[in-house]
Amino acid sequence: MKTLIKTTLIAALVASTSLYAGSGHSHAGHDHSHGHSHEQKAVSEDNIKEIAKQKVNSLVKQKKIAKSWASSPVERIEVSKLNYKKDLVVSFKNAKIKDKSRQTLYVFVSKSGMIKGANYTGK
């Protein structure tokens, strides 16, 4: 009888392990398959612009920047020279801001579309 119970438990353990160890299993927060690079694909320039605009709108909603930023257009997109990953810097111009040092807002976005931060210095 003990042998039957041990065999049943081992079979159940093996079966449950194989359910979770497939090549396409996922972990909390992200999906991945083994044997593939963990680099994320680069997103298009249009998507980068949209992601940066969403960040600006979020900062407006959080009242961290003036409401006038919500209607500010993208001035340009450049590759950051500050780090080895070559993130993108999306700059917005807002002539309605009186302080000239704060008329340009820089939003830092990775090539995969992750927001890295935002500031008025571009650094």
C-alpha atoms as a PDB file:
ATOM      1  CA  MET A   1       0.000   0.000   0.000  1.00  0.00           C
ATOM      2  CA  LYS A   2       2.847   2.420   0.835  1.00  0.00           C
ATOM      3  CA  THR A   3       4.369   1.768  -2.596  1.00  0.00           C
ATOM      4  CA  LEU A   4       1.076   2.634  -4.298  1.00  0.00           C
ATOM      5  CA  ILE A   5       0.809   5.931  -2.362  1.00  0.00           C
ATOM      6  CA  LYS A   6       4.440   6.860  -3.135  1.00  0.00           C
ATOM      7  CA  THR A   7       3.979   6.017  -6.819  1.00  0.00           C
ATOM      8  CA  THR A   8       0.784   8.104  -6.985  1.00  0.00           C
ATOM      9  CA  LEU A   9       2.453  11.075  -5.275  1.00  0.00           C
ATOM     10  CA  ILE A  10       5.496  10.911  -7.562  1.00  0.00           C
ATOM     11  CA  ALA A  11       3.276  10.670 -10.649  1.00  0.00           C
ATOM     12  CA  ALA A  12       1.240  13.670  -9.477  1.00  0.00           C
ATOM     13  CA  LEU A  13       4.406  15.664  -8.803  1.00  0.00           C
ATOM     14  CA  VAL A  14       5.868  14.894 -12.223  1.00  0.00           C
ATOM     15  CA  ALA A  15       2.582  15.751 -13.951  1.00  0.00           C
ATOM     16  CA  SER A  16       2.235  19.097 -12.183  1.00  0.00           C
ATOM     17  CA  THR A  17       5.874  20.010 -12.837  1.00  0.00           C
ATOM     18  CA  SER A  18       5.547  19.359 -16.553  1.00  0.00           C
ATOM     19  CA  LEU A  19       2.490  21.639 -16.736  1.00  0.00           C
ATOM     20  CA  TYR A  20       4.573  24.616 -15.589  1.00  0.00           C
ATOM     21  CA  ALA A  21       7.825  23.852 -17.374  1.00  0.00           C
ATOM     22  CA  GLY A  22       6.688  24.178 -20.985  1.00  0.00           C
ATOM     23  CA  SER A  23       8.788  26.247 -23.381  1.00  0.00           C
ATOM     24  CA  GLY A  24       6.277  29.102 -23.487  1.00  0.00           C
ATOM     25  CA  HIS A  25       5.523  29.458 -19.793  1.00  0.00           C
ATOM     26  CA  SER A  26       5.186  32.878 -18.290  1.00  0.00           C
ATOM     27  CA  HIS A  27       6.271  34.539 -15.094  1.00  0.00           C
ATOM     28  CA  ALA A  28       4.360  37.202 -13.226  1.00  0.00           C
ATOM     29  CA  GLY A  29       4.665  40.507 -15.055  1.00  0.00           C
ATOM     30  CA  HIS A  30       6.139  39.240 -18.305  1.00  0.00           C
ATOM     31  CA  ASP A  31       6.134  36.425 -20.830  1.00  0.00           C
ATOM     32  CA  HIS A  32       9.176  34.788 -22.306  1.00  0.00           C
ATOM     33  CA  SER A  33      10.435  31.592 -23.826  1.00  0.00           C
ATOM     34  CA  HIS A  34      13.827  30.160 -23.058  1.00  0.00           C
ATOM     35  CA  GLY A  35      16.396  30.346 -25.818  1.00  0.00           C
ATOM     36  CA  HIS A  36      15.266  33.761 -27.031  1.00  0.00           C
ATOM     37  CA  SER A  37      16.912  37.102 -26.418  1.00  0.00           C
ATOM     38  CA  HIS A  38      15.472  39.176 -23.579  1.00  0.00           C
ATOM     39  CA  GLU A  39      15.799  42.375 -25.648  1.00  0.00           C
ATOM     40  CA  GLN A  40      12.541  44.062 -26.447  1.00  0.00           C
ATOM     41  CA  LYS A  41      11.748  45.093 -29.993  1.00  0.00           C
ATOM     42  CA  ALA A  42      12.135  48.731 -30.952  1.00  0.00           C
ATOM     43  CA  VAL A  43       8.902  50.609 -31.540  1.00  0.00           C
ATOM     44  CA  SER A  44       8.212  53.028 -34.395  1.00  0.00           C
ATOM     45  CA  GLU A  45       8.897  56.748 -34.244  1.00  0.00           C
ATOM     46  CA  ASP A  46       5.150  57.441 -34.297  1.00  0.00           C
ATOM     47  CA  ASN A  47       4.694  55.179 -31.277  1.00  0.00           C
ATOM     48  CA  ILE A  48       7.574  56.915 -29.478  1.00  0.00           C
ATOM     49  CA  LYS A  49       5.859  60.276 -30.083  1.00  0.00           C
ATOM     50  CA  GLU A  50       2.555  58.938 -28.773  1.00  0.00           C
ATOM     51  CA  ILE A  51       4.204  57.439 -25.670  1.00  0.00           C
ATOM     52  CA  ALA A  52       5.958  60.751 -24.949  1.00  0.00           C
ATOM     53  CA  LYS A  53       2.689  62.693 -25.416  1.00  0.00           C
ATOM     54  CA  GLN A  54       0.983  60.326 -22.970  1.00  0.00           C
ATOM     55  CA  LYS A  55       3.736  61.068 -20.432  1.00  0.00           C
ATOM     56  CA  VAL A  56       3.257  64.825 -20.887  1.00  0.00           C
ATOM     57  CA  ASN A  57      -0.511  64.433 -20.422  1.00  0.00           C
ATOM     58  CA  SER A  58       0.104  62.339 -17.321  1.00  0.00           C
ATOM     59  CA  LEU A  59       2.354  65.052 -15.864  1.00  0.00           C
ATOM     60  CA  VAL A  60      -0.370  67.637 -16.596  1.00  0.00           C
ATOM     61  CA  LYS A  61      -3.012  65.497 -14.860  1.00  0.00           C
ATOM     62  CA  GLN A  62      -0.695  65.084 -11.872  1.00  0.00           C
ATOM     63  CA  LYS A  63      -0.314  68.895 -11.843  1.00  0.00           C
ATOM     64  CA  LYS A  64       3.469  68.592 -12.107  1.00  0.00           C
ATOM     65  CA  ILE A  65       3.543  70.801 -15.201  1.00  0.00           C
ATOM     66  CA  ALA A  66       1.268  73.541 -16.572  1.00  0.00           C
ATOM     67  CA  LYS A  67      -1.925  72.631 -18.467  1.00  0.00           C
ATOM     68  CA  SER A  68      -0.590  74.391 -21.571  1.00  0.00           C
ATOM     69  CA  TRP A  69       1.854  71.494 -22.087  1.00  0.00           C
ATOM     70  CA  ALA A  70      -1.055  69.223 -23.076  1.00  0.00           C
ATOM     71  CA  SER A  71      -1.365  71.027 -26.426  1.00  0.00           C
ATOM     72  CA  SER A  72       2.379  71.391 -27.064  1.00  0.00           C
ATOM     73  CA  PRO A  73       3.635  69.655 -30.198  1.00  0.00           C
ATOM     74  CA  VAL A  74       6.669  67.393 -30.452  1.00  0.00           C
ATOM     75  CA  GLU A  75       9.568  69.565 -31.527  1.00  0.00           C
ATOM     76  CA  ARG A  76      11.993  66.742 -32.326  1.00  0.00           C
ATOM     77  CA  ILE A  77      13.198  63.252 -31.499  1.00  0.00           C
ATOM     78  CA  GLU A  78      16.900  62.632 -30.986  1.00  0.00           C
ATOM     79  CA  VAL A  79      19.070  59.755 -29.840  1.00  0.00           C
ATOM     80  CA  SER A  80      20.409  60.449 -26.355  1.00  0.00           C
ATOM     81  CA  LYS A  81      24.154  60.854 -26.146  1.00  0.00           C
ATOM     82  CA  LEU A  82      24.128  60.422 -22.373  1.00  0.00           C
ATOM     83  CA  ASN A  83      24.113  56.647 -22.074  1.00  0.00           C
ATOM     84  CA  TYR A  84      25.272  53.543 -23.860  1.00  0.00           C
ATOM     85  CA  LYS A  85      21.710  52.291 -24.431  1.00  0.00           C
ATOM     86  CA  LYS A  86      20.937  55.135 -26.821  1.00  0.00           C
ATOM     87  CA  ASP A  87      17.515  56.033 -25.477  1.00  0.00           C
ATOM     88  CA  LEU A  88      15.444  58.557 -27.395  1.00  0.00           C
ATOM     89  CA  VAL A  89      14.813  62.117 -26.254  1.00  0.00           C
ATOM     90  CA  VAL A  90      11.504  63.621 -27.347  1.00  0.00           C
ATOM     91  CA  SER A  91      11.398  67.386 -26.889  1.00  0.00           C
ATOM     92  CA  PHE A  92       8.279  69.527 -26.627  1.00  0.00           C
ATOM     93  CA  LYS A  93       8.261  73.313 -27.015  1.00  0.00           C
ATOM     94  CA  ASN A  94       5.834  75.546 -25.099  1.00  0.00           C
ATOM     95  CA  ALA A  95       6.165  79.273 -25.814  1.00  0.00           C
ATOM     96  CA  LYS A  96       3.388  79.997 -23.264  1.00  0.00           C
ATOM     97  CA  ILE A  97       5.863  79.360 -20.434  1.00  0.00           C
ATOM     98  CA  LYS A  98       7.462  82.653 -19.348  1.00  0.00           C
ATOM     99  CA  ASP A  99      10.686  81.149 -17.941  1.00  0.00           C
ATOM    100  CA  LYS A 100      12.764  80.460 -21.083  1.00  0.00           C
ATOM    101  CA  SER A 101      14.735  77.707 -19.289  1.00  0.00           C
ATOM    102  CA  ARG A 102      11.444  75.793 -18.911  1.00  0.00           C
ATOM    103  CA  GLN A 103      10.009  76.292 -22.417  1.00  0.00           C
ATOM    104  CA  THR A 104      11.398  72.961 -23.621  1.00  0.00           C
ATOM    105  CA  LEU A 105      10.371  69.729 -21.926  1.00  0.00           C
ATOM    106  CA  TYR A 106      12.404  66.591 -22.618  1.00  0.00           C
ATOM    107  CA  VAL A 107      10.879  63.120 -22.293  1.00  0.00           C
ATOM    108  CA  PHE A 108      13.275  60.173 -22.297  1.00  0.00           C
ATOM    109  CA  VAL A 109      11.977  56.964 -23.910  1.00  0.00           C
ATOM    110  CA  SER A 110      13.794  53.683 -24.518  1.00  0.00           C
ATOM    111  CA  LYS A 111      13.711  52.278 -28.051  1.00  0.00           C
ATOM    112  CA  SER A 112      11.315  49.634 -26.744  1.00  0.00           C
ATOM    113  CA  GLY A 113       8.888  52.349 -25.564  1.00  0.00           C
ATOM    114  CA  MET A 114       9.601  52.516 -21.818  1.00  0.00           C
ATOM    115  CA  ILE A 115       9.488  55.984 -20.221  1.00  0.00           C
ATOM    116  CA  LYS A 116      12.813  56.749 -18.532  1.00  0.00           C
ATOM    117  CA  GLY A 117      11.968  60.209 -17.228  1.00  0.00           C
ATOM    118  CA  ALA A 118      11.282  63.824 -18.121  1.00  0.00           C
ATOM    119  CA  ASN A 119      12.924  67.158 -17.316  1.00  0.00           C
ATOM    120  CA  TYR A 120      13.741  70.643 -18.577  1.00  0.00           C
ATOM    121  CA  THR A 121      17.506  70.119 -18.990  1.00  0.00           C
ATOM    122  CA  GLY A 122      17.640  67.291 -21.503  1.00  0.00           C
ATOM    123  CA  LYS A 123      20.202  65.512 -19.325  1.00  0.00           C
END
